[in-house]
Protein backbone atom coordinates (compact mmCIF):
# COMPACT_ATOMS: atom_id res chain seq x y z
CA UNK A 1 18.72 -7.18 19.10
CA UNK A 2 18.80 -10.57 20.88
CA UNK A 3 19.53 -8.90 24.22
CA UNK A 4 15.97 -7.44 24.15
CA UNK A 5 14.20 -10.74 24.28
CA UNK A 6 12.04 -11.11 27.45
CA UNK A 7 13.57 -7.85 28.61
CA UNK A 8 11.62 -4.79 29.90
CA UNK A 9 11.80 -1.99 27.33
CA UNK A 10 9.48 0.66 28.69
CA UNK A 11 6.53 1.89 30.82
CA UNK A 12 2.98 2.94 29.74
CA UNK A 13 2.41 6.64 30.42
CA UNK A 14 -0.70 8.71 30.84
CA UNK A 15 -1.55 11.19 28.04
CA UNK A 16 -4.62 13.50 27.50
CA UNK A 17 -6.18 10.81 25.22
CA UNK A 18 -4.91 7.59 26.74
CA UNK A 19 -4.11 4.92 27.49
CA UNK A 20 -7.28 3.87 25.48
CA UNK A 21 -8.61 0.56 24.16
CA UNK A 22 -7.25 1.28 20.64
CA UNK A 23 -3.96 3.02 21.40
CA UNK A 24 -1.52 3.73 24.21
CA UNK A 25 1.97 5.36 24.64
CA UNK A 26 5.01 4.25 26.56
CA UNK A 27 8.35 5.80 27.40
CA UNK A 28 11.39 3.68 26.59
CA UNK A 29 13.69 2.93 29.58
CA UNK A 30 17.28 4.02 29.38
CA UNK A 31 19.79 1.52 28.16
CA UNK A 32 23.54 1.42 27.61
CA UNK A 33 23.14 -1.04 24.74
CA UNK A 34 24.44 0.30 21.25
CA UNK A 35 21.41 -1.30 19.40
CA UNK A 36 18.42 0.73 18.55
CA UNK A 37 16.02 -0.20 21.36
CA UNK A 38 12.84 -0.25 19.28
CA UNK A 39 11.67 0.05 15.77
CA UNK A 40 8.46 1.23 14.03
CA UNK A 41 6.45 -1.80 13.15
CA UNK A 42 7.81 -3.97 16.05
CA UNK A 43 5.58 -5.96 18.34
CA UNK A 44 5.49 -5.60 22.18
CA UNK A 45 3.72 -7.21 24.99
CA UNK A 46 2.51 -6.29 28.50
CA UNK A 47 0.43 -7.92 31.27
CA UNK A 48 -2.95 -6.17 31.21
CA UNK A 49 -6.04 -8.17 31.74
CA UNK A 50 -3.95 -11.00 30.29
CA UNK A 51 -1.09 -10.88 27.93
CA UNK A 52 -1.69 -7.87 25.61
CA UNK A 53 0.11 -7.80 22.26
CA UNK A 54 0.54 -4.44 20.44
CA UNK A 55 2.24 -3.15 17.44
CA UNK A 56 4.49 0.04 17.47
CA UNK A 57 3.06 2.61 15.02
CA UNK A 58 5.32 5.62 15.71
CA UNK A 59 8.28 6.68 17.85
CA UNK A 60 9.17 10.17 18.73
CA UNK A 61 12.09 11.84 20.72
CA UNK A 62 11.44 14.77 23.05
CA UNK A 63 13.22 16.98 25.51
CA UNK A 64 11.50 19.72 27.61
CA UNK A 65 14.59 22.01 27.48
CA UNK A 66 14.07 22.30 23.72
CA UNK A 67 10.33 22.86 23.84
CA UNK A 68 10.47 26.64 23.08
CA UNK A 69 12.66 27.70 20.13
CA UNK A 70 12.84 31.33 21.22
CA UNK A 71 14.31 30.23 24.63
CA UNK A 72 16.91 27.99 23.00
CA UNK A 73 17.99 30.66 20.57
CA UNK A 74 18.28 33.16 23.40
CA UNK A 75 20.43 30.85 25.58
CA UNK A 76 22.73 29.94 22.82
CA UNK A 77 23.23 33.51 21.74
CA UNK A 78 26.01 33.61 24.30
CA UNK A 79 28.07 31.08 22.36
CA UNK A 80 27.46 28.13 24.59
CA UNK A 81 25.23 25.24 23.69
CA UNK A 82 22.18 24.78 25.88
CA UNK A 83 23.57 21.47 27.24
CA UNK A 84 26.45 23.41 28.88
CA UNK A 85 23.98 25.51 30.83
CA UNK A 86 21.27 22.91 31.70
CA UNK A 87 21.43 19.04 32.04
CA UNK A 88 19.58 18.89 28.71
CA UNK A 89 21.06 15.48 27.76
CA UNK A 90 19.48 13.95 30.84
CA UNK A 91 16.01 15.03 29.84
CA UNK A 92 15.93 13.49 26.36
CA UNK A 93 13.54 10.55 26.23
CA UNK A 94 11.83 8.35 23.61
CA UNK A 95 8.02 7.85 23.39
CA UNK A 96 6.48 5.04 21.42
CA UNK A 97 2.89 5.01 20.23
CA UNK A 98 1.33 1.51 20.03
CA UNK A 99 -1.85 -0.09 18.78
CA UNK A 100 -3.26 -3.06 20.85
CA UNK A 101 -3.90 -6.14 18.67
CA UNK A 102 -5.36 -8.75 21.01
CA UNK A 103 -5.12 -10.37 24.47
CA UNK A 104 -3.98 -13.86 25.19
CA UNK A 105 -5.60 -15.88 27.95
CA UNK A 106 -5.08 -19.62 28.12
CA UNK A 107 -3.83 -19.73 24.52
CA UNK A 108 -7.09 -18.01 23.40
CA UNK A 109 -6.93 -14.69 21.59
CA UNK A 110 -9.60 -12.15 22.44
CA UNK A 111 -10.19 -8.56 21.37
CA UNK A 112 -9.00 -5.72 23.58
CA UNK A 113 -11.95 -4.36 25.60
CA UNK A 114 -10.15 -2.53 28.35
CA UNK A 115 -7.02 -0.23 28.10
CA UNK A 116 -3.66 -0.97 29.90
CA UNK A 117 -2.84 1.11 32.95
CA UNK A 118 -0.26 3.90 33.27
CA UNK A 119 2.79 2.35 34.86
CA UNK A 120 2.36 -1.07 33.20
CA UNK A 121 5.79 -2.50 32.00
CA UNK A 122 6.26 -3.17 28.28
CA UNK A 123 8.34 -5.97 26.88
CA UNK A 124 9.51 -7.11 23.42
CA UNK A 125 6.94 -9.74 22.23
CA UNK A 126 7.72 -13.39 22.88
CA UNK A 127 8.22 -15.21 19.56
CA UNK A 128 6.05 -18.20 20.45
CA UNK A 129 3.17 -15.91 21.48
CA UNK A 130 3.68 -13.77 18.44
CA UNK A 131 3.52 -16.75 16.19
CA UNK A 132 0.20 -17.68 17.56
CA UNK A 133 -1.05 -14.20 17.39
CA UNK A 134 -0.21 -13.77 13.71
CA UNK A 135 -1.49 -17.21 12.88
CA UNK A 136 1.86 -18.55 11.42
CA UNK A 137 2.27 -22.17 10.34
CA UNK A 138 5.59 -23.86 10.84
CA UNK A 139 4.93 -26.14 7.82
CA UNK A 140 3.76 -23.27 5.63
CA UNK A 141 5.28 -21.10 3.00
CA UNK A 142 8.39 -19.35 4.46
CA UNK A 143 8.73 -15.90 2.96
CA UNK A 144 11.60 -14.70 5.35
CA UNK A 145 11.74 -13.43 8.88
CA UNK A 146 9.37 -11.12 10.68
CA UNK A 147 10.83 -7.61 10.54
CA UNK A 148 12.65 -6.71 13.87
CA UNK A 149 12.05 -10.17 15.09
CA UNK A 150 14.86 -12.01 13.33
CA UNK A 151 14.39 -15.34 15.11
CA UNK A 152 10.80 -15.56 13.94
CA UNK A 153 10.21 -16.95 10.48
CA UNK A 154 7.24 -15.67 8.53
CA UNK A 155 5.75 -19.05 7.51
CA UNK A 156 2.14 -18.82 6.14
CA UNK A 157 -0.37 -21.64 5.87
CA UNK A 158 -0.69 -22.88 2.29
CA UNK A 159 -4.54 -22.77 2.27
CA UNK A 160 -4.91 -19.44 4.00
CA UNK A 161 -2.29 -17.97 1.66
CA UNK A 162 -3.56 -19.23 -1.72
CA UNK A 163 -7.13 -20.35 -1.51
CA UNK A 164 -8.50 -16.79 -1.57
CA UNK A 165 -5.92 -15.54 -4.07
CA UNK A 166 -2.92 -13.29 -3.70
CA UNK A 167 -2.17 -9.79 -4.90
CA UNK A 168 1.63 -8.86 -4.91
CA UNK A 169 1.79 -5.14 -5.35
CA UNK A 170 4.85 -2.79 -5.45
CA UNK A 171 6.42 -0.16 -7.63
CA UNK A 172 8.98 -1.14 -10.23
CA UNK A 173 12.23 -2.42 -8.63
CA UNK A 174 10.74 -2.85 -5.12
CA UNK A 175 10.98 -6.68 -5.27
CA UNK A 176 7.64 -8.05 -6.67
CA UNK A 177 9.35 -10.68 -8.91
CA UNK A 178 11.95 -11.62 -6.25
CA UNK A 179 9.25 -12.15 -3.63
CA UNK A 180 7.28 -14.26 -6.17
CA UNK A 181 10.38 -16.28 -6.92
CA UNK A 182 10.78 -17.19 -3.23
CA UNK A 183 7.09 -18.20 -3.15
CA UNK A 184 7.74 -20.46 -6.27
CA UNK A 185 10.78 -22.07 -4.58
CA UNK A 186 8.74 -22.86 -1.56
CA UNK A 187 6.03 -24.49 -3.67
CA UNK A 188 8.59 -26.50 -5.68
CA UNK A 189 10.36 -27.61 -2.47
CA UNK A 190 7.16 -28.58 -0.70
CA UNK A 191 6.97 -32.19 0.58
CA UNK A 192 4.32 -34.42 -0.97
CA UNK A 193 2.77 -35.33 2.40
CA UNK A 194 2.05 -31.56 3.07
CA UNK A 195 0.20 -31.05 -0.16
CA UNK A 196 1.67 -29.71 -3.36
CA UNK A 197 0.24 -27.34 -5.96
CA UNK A 198 0.85 -27.21 -9.63
CA UNK A 199 2.35 -23.89 -10.77
CA UNK A 200 1.60 -21.91 -13.98
CA UNK A 201 3.55 -18.85 -14.47
CA UNK A 202 2.67 -16.20 -17.29
CA UNK A 203 6.22 -14.65 -17.54
CA UNK A 204 5.90 -11.38 -19.33
CA UNK A 205 9.62 -10.36 -19.18
CA UNK A 206 11.31 -13.65 -18.95
CA UNK A 207 12.27 -13.18 -15.25
CA UNK A 208 11.45 -16.76 -14.21
CA UNK A 209 13.04 -18.89 -16.97
CA UNK A 210 16.25 -19.19 -15.02
CA UNK A 211 14.34 -21.77 -12.86
CA UNK A 212 14.82 -24.16 -15.71
CA UNK A 213 18.60 -23.62 -15.80
CA UNK A 214 21.21 -25.50 -13.77
CA UNK A 215 22.44 -23.53 -10.68
CA UNK A 216 26.18 -24.30 -10.66
CA UNK A 217 26.08 -26.40 -7.54
CA UNK A 218 23.33 -24.43 -5.78
CA UNK A 219 19.73 -25.62 -5.30
CA UNK A 220 18.48 -26.87 -8.74
CA UNK A 221 14.84 -26.72 -9.80
CA UNK A 222 15.37 -27.52 -13.50
CA UNK A 223 13.93 -31.05 -13.22
CA UNK A 224 10.70 -29.57 -11.92
CA UNK A 225 10.24 -26.80 -14.38
CA UNK A 226 9.20 -26.62 -18.12
CA UNK A 227 9.52 -23.46 -20.14
CA UNK A 228 7.52 -22.85 -23.28
CA UNK A 229 8.21 -19.78 -25.33
CA UNK A 230 5.17 -17.96 -26.67
CA UNK A 231 6.35 -18.52 -30.31
CA UNK A 232 6.00 -22.22 -29.68
CA UNK A 233 2.73 -22.09 -27.78
CA UNK A 234 -0.34 -23.44 -29.62
CA UNK A 235 -3.93 -23.64 -28.80
CA UNK A 236 -6.06 -26.55 -29.90
CA UNK A 237 -8.95 -24.92 -31.93
CA UNK A 238 -11.20 -27.82 -30.98
CA UNK A 239 -11.35 -26.65 -27.40
CA UNK A 240 -12.58 -23.10 -28.36
CA UNK A 241 -16.30 -22.45 -28.57
CA UNK A 242 -17.94 -19.90 -30.76
CA UNK A 243 -18.64 -17.84 -27.66
CA UNK A 244 -14.90 -17.78 -26.80
CA UNK A 245 -14.11 -16.74 -30.42
CA UNK A 246 -16.58 -13.85 -29.79
CA UNK A 247 -14.62 -12.81 -26.63
CA UNK A 248 -11.51 -12.69 -28.93
CA UNK A 249 -13.39 -10.73 -31.55
CA UNK A 250 -15.56 -8.34 -29.61
CA UNK A 251 -16.74 -6.62 -32.80
CA UNK A 252 -18.89 -9.68 -33.70
CA UNK A 253 -22.60 -9.06 -33.83
CA UNK A 254 -25.09 -11.51 -32.34
CA UNK A 255 -26.05 -12.61 -35.78
CA UNK A 256 -22.45 -13.29 -36.67
CA UNK A 257 -21.92 -15.12 -33.46
CA UNK A 258 -25.00 -17.31 -34.23
CA UNK A 259 -23.74 -18.22 -37.79
CA UNK A 260 -20.29 -19.12 -36.37
CA UNK A 261 -21.89 -21.30 -33.70
CA UNK A 262 -23.69 -23.28 -36.37
CA UNK A 263 -20.54 -23.55 -38.55
CA UNK A 264 -18.47 -24.71 -35.51
CA UNK A 265 -21.14 -27.32 -34.64
CA UNK A 266 -21.06 -28.62 -38.19
CA UNK A 267 -17.23 -28.81 -38.08
CA UNK A 268 -17.32 -30.74 -34.79
CA UNK A 269 -19.82 -33.22 -36.32
CA UNK A 270 -17.79 -33.65 -39.47
CA UNK A 271 -14.53 -34.16 -37.59
CA UNK A 272 -16.16 -36.32 -34.95
CA UNK A 273 -13.45 -37.20 -32.47
CA UNK A 274 -10.63 -35.66 -34.49
CA UNK A 275 -9.22 -32.22 -33.65
CA UNK A 276 -9.40 -29.41 -36.08
CA UNK A 277 -7.39 -26.18 -36.68
CA UNK A 278 -8.50 -22.61 -37.39
CA UNK A 279 -7.50 -23.27 -41.04
CA UNK A 280 -10.09 -26.02 -41.15
CA UNK A 281 -12.76 -23.63 -39.86
CA UNK A 282 -11.72 -20.93 -42.34
CA UNK A 283 -11.95 -23.53 -45.19
CA UNK A 284 -15.47 -24.54 -44.18
CA UNK A 285 -16.67 -20.95 -44.05
CA UNK A 286 -15.14 -20.25 -47.52
CA UNK A 287 -17.18 -23.25 -48.89
CA UNK A 288 -20.45 -22.05 -47.50
CA UNK A 289 -22.31 -20.74 -50.57
CA UNK A 290 -25.64 -20.33 -48.58
CA UNK A 291 -23.92 -18.01 -46.14
CA UNK A 292 -24.66 -14.33 -46.39
CA UNK A 293 -21.83 -12.82 -48.36
CA UNK A 294 -21.27 -9.93 -46.05
CA UNK A 295 -21.32 -12.11 -42.98
CA UNK A 296 -19.00 -14.60 -44.78
CA UNK A 297 -16.47 -11.86 -45.69
CA UNK A 298 -16.57 -10.31 -42.21
CA UNK A 299 -16.04 -13.68 -40.39
CA UNK A 300 -13.16 -14.59 -42.72
CA UNK A 301 -11.59 -11.28 -42.29
CA UNK A 302 -11.51 -11.63 -38.50
CA UNK A 303 -10.53 -15.25 -38.47
CA UNK A 304 -7.70 -14.60 -40.89
CA UNK A 305 -6.51 -11.87 -38.45
CA UNK A 306 -6.46 -14.50 -35.65
CA UNK A 307 -4.69 -16.98 -37.92
CA UNK A 308 -1.90 -14.45 -38.30
CA UNK A 309 -0.93 -14.91 -34.66
CA UNK A 310 0.07 -18.54 -35.47
CA UNK A 311 -1.53 -19.86 -32.30
CA UNK A 312 -4.60 -21.89 -33.37
CA UNK A 313 -3.74 -25.46 -34.53
CA UNK A 314 -5.28 -28.86 -34.21
CA UNK A 315 -3.02 -29.73 -31.32
CA UNK A 316 -1.97 -28.12 -27.95
CA UNK A 317 1.61 -27.24 -27.00
CA UNK A 318 2.13 -27.80 -24.18
CA UNK A 319 -0.39 -30.53 -23.61
CA UNK A 320 -2.00 -29.01 -20.50
CA UNK A 321 -3.59 -32.13 -19.06
CA UNK A 322 -0.08 -33.64 -18.77
CA UNK A 323 1.88 -30.52 -18.06
CA UNK A 324 0.17 -29.50 -14.72
CA UNK A 325 1.59 -31.69 -12.03
CA UNK A 326 1.97 -31.29 -8.26
CA UNK A 327 5.33 -29.81 -7.30
CA UNK A 328 6.04 -28.77 -10.87
CA UNK A 329 6.05 -25.37 -12.68
CA UNK A 330 4.99 -24.55 -16.23
CA UNK A 331 6.39 -21.21 -17.36
CA UNK A 332 4.96 -19.56 -20.47
CA UNK A 333 7.60 -17.10 -21.60
CA UNK A 334 5.96 -14.23 -23.21
CA UNK A 335 9.06 -12.03 -23.50
CA UNK A 336 9.41 -12.64 -27.27
CA UNK A 337 5.96 -11.42 -28.02
CA UNK A 338 5.39 -7.67 -28.25
CA UNK A 339 1.75 -7.75 -29.50
CA UNK A 340 -0.40 -7.14 -26.40
CA UNK A 341 -3.42 -8.74 -27.98
CA UNK A 342 -1.57 -11.93 -28.82
CA UNK A 343 -0.41 -12.22 -25.23
CA UNK A 344 -3.98 -11.70 -24.09
CA UNK A 345 -5.22 -14.44 -26.37
CA UNK A 346 -2.59 -16.82 -25.04
CA UNK A 347 -3.54 -15.99 -21.41
CA UNK A 348 -7.23 -16.26 -22.15
CA UNK A 349 -6.97 -19.75 -23.70
CA UNK A 350 -4.61 -20.94 -21.09
CA UNK A 351 -6.64 -19.70 -18.16
CA UNK A 352 -9.98 -20.94 -19.45
CA UNK A 353 -8.59 -24.38 -20.50
CA UNK A 354 -6.96 -24.93 -17.06
CA UNK A 355 -10.05 -23.75 -15.21
CA UNK A 356 -12.15 -26.25 -17.11
CA UNK A 357 -9.72 -29.11 -16.58
CA UNK A 358 -9.60 -28.32 -12.87
CA UNK A 359 -13.35 -28.19 -12.54
CA UNK A 360 -13.39 -31.69 -13.91
CA UNK A 361 -10.56 -32.63 -11.65
CA UNK A 362 -8.30 -33.77 -14.51
CA UNK A 363 -5.42 -31.74 -13.18
CA UNK A 364 -4.00 -30.94 -9.71
CA UNK A 365 -4.94 -27.88 -7.79
CA UNK A 366 -2.67 -25.06 -9.13
CA UNK A 367 -1.55 -21.52 -8.65
CA UNK A 368 -1.93 -19.24 -11.75
CA UNK A 369 0.70 -16.56 -11.49
CA UNK A 370 0.07 -13.53 -13.73
CA UNK A 371 2.76 -10.82 -14.11
CA UNK A 372 1.70 -7.23 -15.12
CA UNK A 373 -1.86 -8.11 -14.29
CA UNK A 374 -3.08 -4.56 -14.94
CA UNK A 375 -2.30 -5.18 -18.62
CA UNK A 376 -4.54 -8.27 -18.83
CA UNK A 377 -7.21 -7.28 -16.36
CA UNK A 378 -7.58 -3.55 -16.40
CA UNK A 379 -10.06 -1.47 -14.34
CA UNK A 380 -10.83 1.12 -16.94
CA UNK A 381 -13.30 0.31 -19.81
CA UNK A 382 -10.88 2.29 -22.06
CA UNK A 383 -8.23 -0.41 -21.49
CA UNK A 384 -10.16 -3.30 -23.09
CA UNK A 385 -8.61 -6.70 -22.58
CA UNK A 386 -9.81 -9.97 -23.99
CA UNK A 387 -8.41 -11.78 -20.90
CA UNK A 388 -10.30 -9.71 -18.30
CA UNK A 389 -13.40 -11.96 -18.13
CA UNK A 390 -11.62 -15.23 -17.36
CA UNK A 391 -9.31 -13.56 -14.82
CA UNK A 392 -12.26 -12.09 -12.99
CA UNK A 393 -13.87 -15.56 -13.07
CA UNK A 394 -10.88 -16.94 -11.30
CA UNK A 395 -11.10 -14.17 -8.70
CA UNK A 396 -14.74 -14.88 -8.07
CA UNK A 397 -14.94 -18.73 -8.33
CA UNK A 398 -11.44 -20.13 -8.41
CA UNK A 399 -11.17 -20.90 -4.74
CA UNK A 400 -14.10 -23.39 -5.00
CA UNK A 401 -12.18 -25.63 -7.36
CA UNK A 402 -8.56 -25.21 -6.33
CA UNK A 403 -7.58 -22.68 -9.02
CA UNK A 404 -5.62 -20.03 -7.11
CA UNK A 405 -4.89 -16.71 -8.72
CA UNK A 406 -1.61 -14.77 -8.01
CA UNK A 407 -1.55 -11.29 -9.63
CA UNK A 408 1.46 -9.00 -9.73
CA UNK A 409 1.14 -5.30 -10.51
CA UNK A 410 3.12 -2.10 -10.15
CA UNK A 411 0.06 0.00 -10.78
CA UNK A 412 -2.81 -1.29 -8.46
CA UNK A 413 -4.97 1.66 -9.44
CA UNK A 414 -5.16 0.34 -13.02
CA UNK A 415 -5.96 -3.25 -11.87
CA UNK A 416 -9.55 -4.49 -11.92
CA UNK A 417 -11.30 -3.72 -8.60
CA UNK A 418 -13.09 -7.07 -8.90
CA UNK A 419 -9.86 -8.90 -8.92
CA UNK A 420 -8.09 -6.87 -6.27
CA UNK A 421 -11.06 -7.00 -3.82
CA UNK A 422 -11.28 -10.72 -4.20
CA UNK A 423 -7.64 -11.28 -3.45
CA UNK A 424 -7.80 -12.38 0.14
CA UNK A 425 -4.02 -11.77 0.81
CA UNK A 426 -2.05 -8.67 -0.29
CA UNK A 427 1.74 -8.78 -0.27
CA UNK A 428 2.81 -5.20 -0.67
CA UNK A 429 6.21 -3.71 -1.27
CA UNK A 430 7.15 -0.04 -1.51
CA UNK A 431 4.50 2.13 -3.28
CA UNK A 432 4.68 5.86 -3.32
CA UNK A 433 2.07 6.82 -5.83
CA UNK A 434 -0.83 8.29 -3.79
CA UNK A 435 -3.51 6.99 -6.15
CA UNK A 436 -2.14 3.48 -5.90
CA UNK A 437 -2.03 3.80 -2.06
CA UNK A 438 -5.49 4.99 -1.88
CA UNK A 439 -6.74 2.20 -4.13
CA UNK A 440 -5.03 -0.39 -1.86
CA UNK A 441 -6.51 1.11 1.23
CA UNK A 442 -10.05 0.86 -0.21
CA UNK A 443 -9.44 -2.80 -1.13
CA UNK A 444 -8.26 -3.96 2.21
CA UNK A 445 -10.06 -3.20 5.53
CA UNK A 446 -6.96 -4.13 7.64
CA UNK A 447 -4.72 -1.45 6.13
CA UNK A 448 -4.78 1.78 8.22
CA UNK A 449 -3.42 5.28 7.48
CA UNK A 450 -0.41 4.51 9.67
CA UNK A 451 0.25 1.20 7.74
CA UNK A 452 0.08 3.10 4.37
CA UNK A 453 2.78 5.56 5.63
CA UNK A 454 4.99 2.53 6.40
CA UNK A 455 4.39 1.02 2.99
CA UNK A 456 5.63 4.27 1.23
CA UNK A 457 8.98 4.06 3.00
CA UNK A 458 9.65 0.26 2.86
CA UNK A 459 13.19 -0.67 1.77
CA UNK A 460 13.63 -3.08 -1.16
CA UNK A 461 13.20 -6.63 0.08
CA UNK A 462 10.67 -5.86 2.81
CA UNK A 463 6.91 -6.46 2.28
CA UNK A 464 3.68 -6.07 4.16
CA UNK A 465 1.53 -9.24 4.38
CA UNK A 466 -2.10 -8.47 5.13
CA UNK A 467 -5.35 -10.44 4.79
CA UNK A 468 -6.38 -14.06 4.97
CA UNK A 469 -2.88 -15.41 5.36
CA UNK A 470 -2.32 -13.84 8.77
CA UNK A 471 -4.41 -12.56 11.64
CA UNK A 472 -2.95 -9.14 11.63
CA UNK A 473 -0.76 -7.15 9.19
CA UNK A 474 2.92 -8.14 9.43
CA UNK A 475 6.08 -6.87 7.89
CA UNK A 476 8.40 -9.51 6.48
CA UNK A 477 12.09 -9.34 5.33
CA UNK A 478 11.94 -11.56 2.33
CA UNK A 479 14.58 -14.34 2.51
CA UNK A 480 17.48 -14.69 0.05
CA UNK A 481 16.53 -16.57 -3.19
CA UNK A 482 18.01 -20.04 -3.55
CA UNK A 483 17.49 -20.51 -7.33
CA UNK A 484 19.60 -18.99 -10.07
CA UNK A 485 18.77 -15.42 -10.61
CA UNK A 486 18.09 -14.18 -14.14
CA UNK A 487 20.85 -12.34 -16.02
CA UNK A 488 19.57 -8.88 -16.29
CA UNK A 489 20.98 -6.42 -18.80
CA UNK A 490 23.60 -4.11 -17.32
CA UNK A 491 23.37 -0.85 -19.02
CA UNK A 492 27.05 0.09 -18.76
CA UNK A 493 28.11 -3.28 -20.31
CA UNK A 494 25.55 -3.06 -23.08
CA UNK A 495 26.74 0.46 -24.01
CA UNK A 496 30.39 -0.60 -24.06
CA UNK A 497 29.63 -3.79 -26.08
CA UNK A 498 27.70 -1.71 -28.60
CA UNK A 499 30.56 0.76 -29.15
CA UNK A 500 33.17 -1.99 -29.41
CA UNK A 501 31.03 -3.84 -31.97
CA UNK A 502 30.76 -0.64 -34.11
CA UNK A 503 34.56 -0.12 -34.19
CA UNK A 504 35.44 -3.71 -35.28
């Protein structure tokens, strides 16, 4: 639609309710161009008390000859179409309904306080003006191009996008992981002088491990990515307090926590500067003859259960203080772990340890990317999760220390309201579940009923960006991924392979 740039596309009309400060309508001018003249969600501009920018919220076609169904039916009963009797085709016209966003005067944006006038001419928004209106940053994170404005790249300032956290929300298959991969590429490619973040990815399904693989001549990120499978992940028991053990074992009573605190303190004094494992802690509890037998047996039972996860050692893998580096990604691949509690324990240890390291400025500022966040920080008390407390701590306090949270979820209604409401930016793909849509609307003041209707019909690969990252909600067509894409299972091939293997 390049022919539309700086070209008049319509005229403001008078209606019973407008033009008004918060809405107006305009009729599209006739054109012989084959392209669609305007799209729902597109930006337009007009000269009214300055340069007024508006977003098209709906488009309708109308024709006065077809206003009355009974008349149309009666005329066409004779066998001729209505257009053969009246010049009906000349009376078809298109009306667009738009919402004013702001007025530009001397490069300053102000709110709309007076409506446009009937007869004002409407133009497609100028890209340079639109970029300023939306608050885009040419050196920011490039997600793709602004929908229906193909020459304008959606580049969002790093601080505005990450500092107040991000929620990436969409139904299964609508492009959450793909959008996240594009964001990861942008962070990995970011130049040192622009400021780089460390990246930590909790990969539930193994969708990001391909970043560590060579790309057959394409852009290669493997030298900047480390993958640790959950079966090789270890937590240094020395870094875990008795209170943190109590989080992992919520059945513990205050008396049992007190006893464990004393035993942990004793073990720390005994080991001095040396690390210790969970096995060392268990051995010390077993040797305590003065400990109440019931308390002793209960503590041992729970700690043996934790030991069965094969996580708690006297060393850390990966060594987090060394693993988190600017412009590098650490991927914890959880795809080989089916036990939800084990995954929650890994996430809890990792999130808390990184948060403490960042507070002491021992590691770089980082983005903590959490897939399937509703599993690890649920809203309902019935869906208890060990990891909920630390994730909500990130949401409330992370921005003060440069620990940015990025949560992905296909069921926002099941995600903690605390986390969702603290995410300053929402990147939303197609969602059709009415409960999820209602939950999203309640968590973001900028999302209107009209915007929700657009969300439910978004094609795969298009997202709505709303919140701190931009001044106004904007639809973005996510760019093509540069890195190697994961090899997903193709059902037909798997079925054929299985039957062949059975006949050999």
